[in-house]
Every structure is written in C-alpha cells, then in structure tokens.
Amino acid sequence: MIDAYNAVSDRTGVTASAWGDGIELRAIDGRNISIGTDGSAANLGLGSLTVGATADTAGAVTYYSQVTLKSDNKFEVQAGSHGI
C-alpha cells in the first residue's frame, strides 16, 4: 500500500510511510488529504476493516491530527472564510 501511494506522489503531492502498524500520509503543502474508494476493504487487501466510513457505511469519517508551525520569523495565524 505504501509503495502504491508513493508511486503517484509526484501527481498527488502526498507521500506515505510506515507508522507503527499503520500508514502515515503527508501532503507536502499541508492541505487536507481525502481518500475514497468504490471497492471494499477486502478488495483493497485490508481484510474486514472499515475504510473511511462508519460501520454501516452511511457516512464518511473525518480523522483529525495536530499541526506544529515553526518559523524563524514572526507570523500570524487567522481564521479564514473556507471553514477554517
């Protein structure tokens, strides 16, 4: 799975690496990453896992993480108009 993500990273800007028992995905430009499929988890080689949906597949699941911003220069973070 990691090799599949990285094979198209030049087009997507997303890279994958091993992270414990999982996969870490990173967007180099910091944008959100959306993953979707019309195949089942079993068809993707993931056994009986639920992928990106609730157990009854009625809705999508959003996963959150944290971001650390660092700079040698002073900067300001403000709310935007696009749901931020």
PDB file of N, CA and C in Angstrom:
ATOM      1  N   MET A   1       0.824  -1.178   0.000  1.00  0.00           N
ATOM      2  CA  MET A   1       0.000   0.000   0.000  1.00  0.00           C
ATOM      3  C   MET A   1       0.876   1.253   0.000  1.00  0.00           C
ATOM      4  N   ILE A   2       1.935   1.254   0.795  1.00  0.00           N
ATOM      5  CA  ILE A   2       2.828   2.412   0.856  1.00  0.00           C
ATOM      6  C   ILE A   2       3.451   2.673  -0.508  1.00  0.00           C
ATOM      7  N   ASP A   3       3.914   1.627  -1.164  1.00  0.00           N
ATOM      8  CA  ASP A   3       4.521   1.787  -2.489  1.00  0.00           C
ATOM      9  C   ASP A   3       3.512   2.333  -3.497  1.00  0.00           C
ATOM     10  N   ALA A   4       2.251   1.923  -3.383  1.00  0.00           N
ATOM     11  CA  ALA A   4       1.219   2.412  -4.305  1.00  0.00           C
ATOM     12  C   ALA A   4       1.002   3.915  -4.136  1.00  0.00           C
ATOM     13  N   TYR A   5       0.937   4.386  -2.897  1.00  0.00           N
ATOM     14  CA  TYR A   5       0.797   5.832  -2.661  1.00  0.00           C
ATOM     15  C   TYR A   5       2.006   6.592  -3.207  1.00  0.00           C
ATOM     16  N   ASN A   6       3.195   6.098  -2.889  1.00  0.00           N
ATOM     17  CA  ASN A   6       4.405   6.808  -3.292  1.00  0.00           C
ATOM     18  C   ASN A   6       4.653   6.761  -4.792  1.00  0.00           C
ATOM     19  N   ALA A   7       4.102   5.770  -5.473  1.00  0.00           N
ATOM     20  CA  ALA A   7       4.267   5.674  -6.928  1.00  0.00           C
ATOM     21  C   ALA A   7       3.604   6.838  -7.663  1.00  0.00           C
ATOM     22  N   VAL A   8       2.608   7.461  -7.042  1.00  0.00           N
ATOM     23  CA  VAL A   8       1.913   8.587  -7.683  1.00  0.00           C
ATOM     24  C   VAL A   8       2.096   9.893  -6.909  1.00  0.00           C
ATOM     25  N   SER A   9       3.056   9.926  -5.990  1.00  0.00           N
ATOM     26  CA  SER A   9       3.239  11.125  -5.169  1.00  0.00           C
ATOM     27  C   SER A   9       3.633  12.350  -5.980  1.00  0.00           C
ATOM     28  N   ASP A  10       4.254  12.141  -7.142  1.00  0.00           N
ATOM     29  CA  ASP A  10       4.597  13.287  -7.986  1.00  0.00           C
ATOM     30  C   ASP A  10       3.349  13.964  -8.541  1.00  0.00           C
ATOM     31  N   ARG A  11       2.239  13.240  -8.642  1.00  0.00           N
ATOM     32  CA  ARG A  11       0.972  13.807  -9.118  1.00  0.00           C
ATOM     33  C   ARG A  11       0.081  14.276  -7.990  1.00  0.00           C
ATOM     34  N   THR A  12       0.137  13.593  -6.841  1.00  0.00           N
ATOM     35  CA  THR A  12      -0.771  13.922  -5.743  1.00  0.00           C
ATOM     36  C   THR A  12      -0.166  14.861  -4.708  1.00  0.00           C
ATOM     37  N   GLY A  13       1.157  14.861  -4.576  1.00  0.00           N
ATOM     38  CA  GLY A  13       1.801  15.642  -3.532  1.00  0.00           C
ATOM     39  C   GLY A  13       1.695  14.986  -2.169  1.00  0.00           C
ATOM     40  N   VAL A  14       1.231  13.743  -2.131  1.00  0.00           N
ATOM     41  CA  VAL A  14       1.065  13.009  -0.875  1.00  0.00           C
ATOM     42  C   VAL A  14       2.071  11.874  -0.835  1.00  0.00           C
ATOM     43  N   THR A  15       2.783  11.756   0.286  1.00  0.00           N
ATOM     44  CA  THR A  15       3.723  10.653   0.458  1.00  0.00           C
ATOM     45  C   THR A  15       3.245   9.774   1.611  1.00  0.00           C
ATOM     46  N   ALA A  16       3.639   8.506   1.558  1.00  0.00           N
ATOM     47  CA  ALA A  16       3.250   7.540   2.580  1.00  0.00           C
ATOM     48  C   ALA A  16       4.493   6.933   3.209  1.00  0.00           C
ATOM     49  N   SER A  17       4.397   6.633   4.494  1.00  0.00           N
ATOM     50  CA  SER A  17       5.489   5.939   5.185  1.00  0.00           C
ATOM     51  C   SER A  17       4.878   5.060   6.267  1.00  0.00           C
ATOM     52  N   ALA A  18       5.650   4.080   6.713  1.00  0.00           N
ATOM     53  CA  ALA A  18       5.199   3.199   7.784  1.00  0.00           C
ATOM     54  C   ALA A  18       5.129   3.981   9.080  1.00  0.00           C
ATOM     55  N   TRP A  19       4.100   3.727   9.859  1.00  0.00           N
ATOM     56  CA  TRP A  19       3.906   4.379  11.149  1.00  0.00           C
ATOM     57  C   TRP A  19       3.321   3.349  12.101  1.00  0.00           C
ATOM     58  N   GLY A  20       4.170   2.689  12.861  1.00  0.00           N
ATOM     59  CA  GLY A  20       3.704   1.613  13.735  1.00  0.00           C
ATOM     60  C   GLY A  20       3.058   0.520  12.899  1.00  0.00           C
ATOM     61  N   ASP A  21       1.832   0.168  13.245  1.00  0.00           N
ATOM     62  CA  ASP A  21       1.072  -0.817  12.470  1.00  0.00           C
ATOM     63  C   ASP A  21       0.272  -0.166  11.352  1.00  0.00           C
ATOM     64  N   GLY A  22       0.422   1.144  11.173  1.00  0.00           N
ATOM     65  CA  GLY A  22      -0.380   1.857  10.188  1.00  0.00           C
ATOM     66  C   GLY A  22       0.460   2.541   9.136  1.00  0.00           C
ATOM     67  N   ILE A  23      -0.173   3.457   8.434  1.00  0.00           N
ATOM     68  CA  ILE A  23       0.467   4.227   7.373  1.00  0.00           C
ATOM     69  C   ILE A  23       0.288   5.705   7.692  1.00  0.00           C
ATOM     70  N   GLU A  24       1.362   6.462   7.575  1.00  0.00           N
ATOM     71  CA  GLU A  24       1.284   7.911   7.727  1.00  0.00           C
ATOM     72  C   GLU A  24       1.267   8.530   6.341  1.00  0.00           C
ATOM     73  N   LEU A  25       0.273   9.375   6.076  1.00  0.00           N
ATOM     74  CA  LEU A  25       0.182  10.108   4.819  1.00  0.00           C
ATOM     75  C   LEU A  25       0.489  11.570   5.096  1.00  0.00           C
ATOM     76  N   ARG A  26       1.304  12.179   4.242  1.00  0.00           N
ATOM     77  CA  ARG A  26       1.651  13.596   4.396  1.00  0.00           C
ATOM     78  C   ARG A  26       1.459  14.316   3.075  1.00  0.00           C
ATOM     79  N   ALA A  27       0.775  15.453   3.144  1.00  0.00           N
ATOM     80  CA  ALA A  27       0.666  16.346   1.995  1.00  0.00           C
ATOM     81  C   ALA A  27       1.734  17.408   2.177  1.00  0.00           C
ATOM     82  N   ILE A  28       2.652  17.494   1.252  1.00  0.00           N
ATOM     83  CA  ILE A  28       3.795  18.387   1.392  1.00  0.00           C
ATOM     84  C   ILE A  28       3.360  19.840   1.554  1.00  0.00           C
ATOM     85  N   ASP A  29       2.262  20.224   0.916  1.00  0.00           N
ATOM     86  CA  ASP A  29       1.800  21.610   1.014  1.00  0.00           C
ATOM     87  C   ASP A  29       0.852  21.830   2.196  1.00  0.00           C
ATOM     88  N   GLY A  30       0.604  20.789   3.016  1.00  0.00           N
ATOM     89  CA  GLY A  30      -0.185  20.940   4.224  1.00  0.00           C
ATOM     90  C   GLY A  30      -1.689  20.850   4.052  1.00  0.00           C
ATOM     91  N   ARG A  31      -2.166  20.581   2.871  1.00  0.00           N
ATOM     92  CA  ARG A  31      -3.617  20.533   2.660  1.00  0.00           C
ATOM     93  C   ARG A  31      -4.210  19.257   3.253  1.00  0.00           C
ATOM     94  N   ASN A  32      -5.543  19.212   3.339  1.00  0.00           N
ATOM     95  CA  ASN A  32      -6.232  18.015   3.782  1.00  0.00           C
ATOM     96  C   ASN A  32      -6.044  16.910   2.758  1.00  0.00           C
ATOM     97  N   ILE A  33      -6.093  15.680   3.210  1.00  0.00           N
ATOM     98  CA  ILE A  33      -5.991  14.521   2.330  1.00  0.00           C
ATOM     99  C   ILE A  33      -7.313  13.783   2.378  1.00  0.00           C
ATOM    100  N   SER A  34      -7.928  13.571   1.233  1.00  0.00           N
ATOM    101  CA  SER A  34      -9.168  12.806   1.142  1.00  0.00           C
ATOM    102  C   SER A  34      -8.879  11.490   0.457  1.00  0.00           C
ATOM    103  N   ILE A  35      -9.394  10.424   1.034  1.00  0.00           N
ATOM    104  CA  ILE A  35      -9.192   9.095   0.474  1.00  0.00           C
ATOM    105  C   ILE A  35     -10.562   8.483   0.223  1.00  0.00           C
ATOM    106  N   GLY A  36     -10.760   7.936  -0.939  1.00  0.00           N
ATOM    107  CA  GLY A  36     -12.026   7.290  -1.248  1.00  0.00           C
ATOM    108  C   GLY A  36     -11.813   6.077  -2.118  1.00  0.00           C
ATOM    109  N   THR A  37     -12.768   5.205  -2.120  1.00  0.00           N
ATOM    110  CA  THR A  37     -12.712   4.022  -2.966  1.00  0.00           C
ATOM    111  C   THR A  37     -14.115   3.531  -3.235  1.00  0.00           C
ATOM    112  N   ASP A  38     -14.305   2.898  -4.363  1.00  0.00           N
ATOM    113  CA  ASP A  38     -15.581   2.240  -4.611  1.00  0.00           C
ATOM    114  C   ASP A  38     -15.440   0.731  -4.428  1.00  0.00           C
ATOM    115  N   GLY A  39     -14.267   0.301  -3.968  1.00  0.00           N
ATOM    116  CA  GLY A  39     -14.034  -1.106  -3.680  1.00  0.00           C
ATOM    117  C   GLY A  39     -14.167  -1.375  -2.199  1.00  0.00           C
ATOM    118  N   SER A  40     -14.354  -2.617  -1.849  1.00  0.00           N
ATOM    119  CA  SER A  40     -14.447  -2.975  -0.439  1.00  0.00           C
ATOM    120  C   SER A  40     -13.052  -3.054   0.165  1.00  0.00           C
ATOM    121  N   ALA A  41     -12.988  -3.027   1.488  1.00  0.00           N
ATOM    122  CA  ALA A  41     -11.703  -3.148   2.163  1.00  0.00           C
ATOM    123  C   ALA A  41     -11.030  -4.460   1.788  1.00  0.00           C
ATOM    124  N   ALA A  42     -11.809  -5.531   1.673  1.00  0.00           N
ATOM    125  CA  ALA A  42     -11.244  -6.833   1.304  1.00  0.00           C
ATOM    126  C   ALA A  42     -10.616  -6.777  -0.083  1.00  0.00           C
ATOM    127  N   ASN A  43     -11.251  -6.089  -1.024  1.00  0.00           N
ATOM    128  CA  ASN A  43     -10.694  -5.961  -2.379  1.00  0.00           C
ATOM    129  C   ASN A  43      -9.417  -5.139  -2.390  1.00  0.00           C
ATOM    130  N   LEU A  44      -9.247  -4.290  -1.369  1.00  0.00           N
ATOM    131  CA  LEU A  44      -8.042  -3.471  -1.256  1.00  0.00           C
ATOM    132  C   LEU A  44      -6.946  -4.180  -0.459  1.00  0.00           C
ATOM    133  N   GLY A  45      -7.206  -5.418  -0.048  1.00  0.00           N
ATOM    134  CA  GLY A  45      -6.230  -6.175   0.717  1.00  0.00           C
ATOM    135  C   GLY A  45      -6.203  -5.818   2.185  1.00  0.00           C
ATOM    136  N   LEU A  46      -7.281  -5.236   2.688  1.00  0.00           N
ATOM    137  CA  LEU A  46      -7.323  -4.794   4.073  1.00  0.00           C
ATOM    138  C   LEU A  46      -8.233  -5.660   4.943  1.00  0.00           C
ATOM    139  N   GLY A  47      -8.555  -6.851   4.488  1.00  0.00           N
ATOM    140  CA  GLY A  47      -9.384  -7.753   5.285  1.00  0.00           C
ATOM    141  C   GLY A  47     -10.768  -7.209   5.505  1.00  0.00           C
ATOM    142  N   SER A  48     -11.244  -7.269   6.733  1.00  0.00           N
ATOM    143  CA  SER A  48     -12.623  -6.850   7.039  1.00  0.00           C
ATOM    144  C   SER A  48     -12.689  -5.470   7.679  1.00  0.00           C
ATOM    145  N   LEU A  49     -11.675  -4.647   7.489  1.00  0.00           N
ATOM    146  CA  LEU A  49     -11.659  -3.307   8.078  1.00  0.00           C
ATOM    147  C   LEU A  49     -12.672  -2.397   7.410  1.00  0.00           C
ATOM    148  N   THR A  50     -13.135  -1.421   8.145  1.00  0.00           N
ATOM    149  CA  THR A  50     -13.977  -0.369   7.574  1.00  0.00           C
ATOM    150  C   THR A  50     -13.052   0.750   7.123  1.00  0.00           C
ATOM    151  N   VAL A  51     -13.174   1.182   5.865  1.00  0.00           N
ATOM    152  CA  VAL A  51     -12.276   2.192   5.314  1.00  0.00           C
ATOM    153  C   VAL A  51     -13.033   3.484   5.082  1.00  0.00           C
ATOM    154  N   GLY A  52     -12.707   4.521   5.849  1.00  0.00           N
ATOM    155  CA  GLY A  52     -13.241   5.857   5.615  1.00  0.00           C
ATOM    156  C   GLY A  52     -14.728   6.000   5.703  1.00  0.00           C
ATOM    157  N   ALA A  53     -15.396   5.159   6.436  1.00  0.00           N
ATOM    158  CA  ALA A  53     -16.840   5.273   6.586  1.00  0.00           C
ATOM    159  C   ALA A  53     -17.228   4.725   7.947  1.00  0.00           C
ATOM    160  N   THR A  54     -18.443   5.047   8.361  1.00  0.00           N
ATOM    161  CA  THR A  54     -18.938   4.482   9.600  1.00  0.00           C
ATOM    162  C   THR A  54     -19.216   3.005   9.382  1.00  0.00           C
ATOM    163  N   ALA A  55     -19.453   2.270  10.444  1.00  0.00           N
ATOM    164  CA  ALA A  55     -19.636   0.824  10.345  1.00  0.00           C
ATOM    165  C   ALA A  55     -20.752   0.444   9.382  1.00  0.00           C
ATOM    166  N   ASP A  56     -21.796   1.264   9.290  1.00  0.00           N
ATOM    167  CA  ASP A  56     -22.880   0.948   8.362  1.00  0.00           C
ATOM    168  C   ASP A  56     -22.690   1.629   7.006  1.00  0.00           C
ATOM    169  N   THR A  57     -21.540   2.230   6.780  1.00  0.00           N
ATOM    170  CA  THR A  57     -21.155   2.944   5.551  1.00  0.00           C
ATOM    171  C   THR A  57     -22.151   4.033   5.155  1.00  0.00           C
ATOM    172  N   ALA A  58     -22.892   4.550   6.127  1.00  0.00           N
ATOM    173  CA  ALA A  58     -23.856   5.602   5.813  1.00  0.00           C
ATOM    174  C   ALA A  58     -23.210   6.976   5.734  1.00  0.00           C
ATOM    175  N   GLY A  59     -22.025   7.129   6.284  1.00  0.00           N
ATOM    176  CA  GLY A  59     -21.397   8.441   6.269  1.00  0.00           C
ATOM    177  C   GLY A  59     -19.897   8.342   6.318  1.00  0.00           C
ATOM    178  N   ALA A  60     -19.243   9.397   5.941  1.00  0.00           N
ATOM    179  CA  ALA A  60     -17.780   9.440   5.949  1.00  0.00           C
ATOM    180  C   ALA A  60     -17.272   9.730   7.349  1.00  0.00           C
ATOM    181  N   VAL A  61     -16.048   9.366   7.594  1.00  0.00           N
ATOM    182  CA  VAL A  61     -15.397   9.600   8.872  1.00  0.00           C
ATOM    183  C   VAL A  61     -14.260  10.584   8.646  1.00  0.00           C
ATOM    184  N   THR A  62     -14.121  11.556   9.516  1.00  0.00           N
ATOM    185  CA  THR A  62     -13.015  12.504   9.444  1.00  0.00           C
ATOM    186  C   THR A  62     -12.063  12.231  10.590  1.00  0.00           C
ATOM    187  N   TYR A  63     -10.790  12.133  10.269  1.00  0.00           N
ATOM    188  CA  TYR A  63      -9.768  11.925  11.273  1.00  0.00           C
ATOM    189  C   TYR A  63      -9.008  13.233  11.461  1.00  0.00           C
ATOM    190  N   TYR A  64      -8.698  13.572  12.686  1.00  0.00           N
ATOM    191  CA  TYR A  64      -8.020  14.816  12.993  1.00  0.00           C
ATOM    192  C   TYR A  64      -6.622  14.539  13.523  1.00  0.00           C
ATOM    193  N   SER A  65      -5.752  15.492  13.342  1.00  0.00           N
ATOM    194  CA  SER A  65      -4.403  15.378  13.873  1.00  0.00           C
ATOM    195  C   SER A  65      -3.960  16.756  14.353  1.00  0.00           C
ATOM    196  N   GLN A  66      -2.722  16.875  14.736  1.00  0.00           N
ATOM    197  CA  GLN A  66      -2.223  18.174  15.170  1.00  0.00           C
ATOM    198  C   GLN A  66      -1.162  18.674  14.210  1.00  0.00           C
ATOM    199  N   VAL A  67      -1.001  19.963  14.196  1.00  0.00           N
ATOM    200  CA  VAL A  67      -0.040  20.618  13.320  1.00  0.00           C
ATOM    201  C   VAL A  67       0.854  21.500  14.174  1.00  0.00           C
ATOM    202  N   THR A  68       2.132  21.465  13.905  1.00  0.00           N
ATOM    203  CA  THR A  68       3.083  22.343  14.577  1.00  0.00           C
ATOM    204  C   THR A  68       3.643  23.318  13.559  1.00  0.00           C
ATOM    205  N   LEU A  69       3.519  24.606  13.835  1.00  0.00           N
ATOM    206  CA  LEU A  69       4.029  25.640  12.942  1.00  0.00           C
ATOM    207  C   LEU A  69       5.278  26.247  13.563  1.00  0.00           C
ATOM    208  N   LYS A  70       6.348  26.319  12.779  1.00  0.00           N
ATOM    209  CA  LYS A  70       7.603  26.899  13.263  1.00  0.00           C
ATOM    210  C   LYS A  70       8.161  27.845  12.215  1.00  0.00           C
ATOM    211  N   SER A  71       8.776  28.916  12.677  1.00  0.00           N
ATOM    212  CA  SER A  71       9.393  29.853  11.766  1.00  0.00           C
ATOM    213  C   SER A  71      10.450  30.655  12.503  1.00  0.00           C
ATOM    214  N   ASP A  72      11.478  31.056  11.797  1.00  0.00           N
ATOM    215  CA  ASP A  72      12.469  31.965  12.367  1.00  0.00           C
ATOM    216  C   ASP A  72      11.927  33.392  12.409  1.00  0.00           C
ATOM    217  N   ASN A  73      10.864  33.640  11.652  1.00  0.00           N
ATOM    218  CA  ASN A  73      10.259  34.964  11.574  1.00  0.00           C
ATOM    219  C   ASN A  73       8.924  34.972  12.297  1.00  0.00           C
ATOM    220  N   LYS A  74       8.501  36.132  12.745  1.00  0.00           N
ATOM    221  CA  LYS A  74       7.202  36.296  13.368  1.00  0.00           C
ATOM    222  C   LYS A  74       6.123  36.078  12.314  1.00  0.00           C
ATOM    223  N   PHE A  75       5.057  35.350  12.685  1.00  0.00           N
ATOM    224  CA  PHE A  75       3.934  35.173  11.768  1.00  0.00           C
ATOM    225  C   PHE A  75       2.644  35.143  12.565  1.00  0.00           C
ATOM    226  N   GLU A  76       1.534  35.275  11.864  1.00  0.00           N
ATOM    227  CA  GLU A  76       0.224  35.352  12.484  1.00  0.00           C
ATOM    228  C   GLU A  76      -0.695  34.341  11.825  1.00  0.00           C
ATOM    229  N   VAL A  77      -1.505  33.651  12.617  1.00  0.00           N
ATOM    230  CA  VAL A  77      -2.481  32.698  12.099  1.00  0.00           C
ATOM    231  C   VAL A  77      -3.865  33.275  12.367  1.00  0.00           C
ATOM    232  N   GLN A  78      -4.682  33.368  11.332  1.00  0.00           N
ATOM    233  CA  GLN A  78      -6.024  33.929  11.470  1.00  0.00           C
ATOM    234  C   GLN A  78      -7.043  32.995  10.838  1.00  0.00           C
ATOM    235  N   ALA A  79      -8.285  33.122  11.285  1.00  0.00           N
ATOM    236  CA  ALA A  79      -9.385  32.347  10.709  1.00  0.00           C
ATOM    237  C   ALA A  79      -9.622  32.804   9.275  1.00  0.00           C
ATOM    238  N   GLY A  80     -10.021  31.889   8.422  1.00  0.00           N
ATOM    239  CA  GLY A  80     -10.316  32.227   7.037  1.00  0.00           C
ATOM    240  C   GLY A  80     -11.804  32.073   6.761  1.00  0.00           C
ATOM    241  N   SER A  81     -12.152  32.119   5.495  1.00  0.00           N
ATOM    242  CA  SER A  81     -13.550  32.030   5.098  1.00  0.00           C
ATOM    243  C   SER A  81     -13.905  30.693   4.465  1.00  0.00           C
ATOM    244  N   HIS A  82     -13.001  29.729   4.538  1.00  0.00           N
ATOM    245  CA  HIS A  82     -13.240  28.431   3.912  1.00  0.00           C
ATOM    246  C   HIS A  82     -13.365  27.324   4.947  1.00  0.00           C
ATOM    247  N   GLY A  83     -14.115  27.577   6.008  1.00  0.00           N
ATOM    248  CA  GLY A  83     -14.337  26.570   7.030  1.00  0.00           C
ATOM    249  C   GLY A  83     -13.218  26.413   8.020  1.00  0.00           C
ATOM    250  N   ILE A  84     -12.292  27.344   8.014  1.00  0.00           N
ATOM    251  CA  ILE A  84     -11.150  27.257   8.934  1.00  0.00           C
ATOM    252  C   ILE A  84     -11.475  28.024  10.190  1.00  0.00           C
TER     253      ILE A  84
END
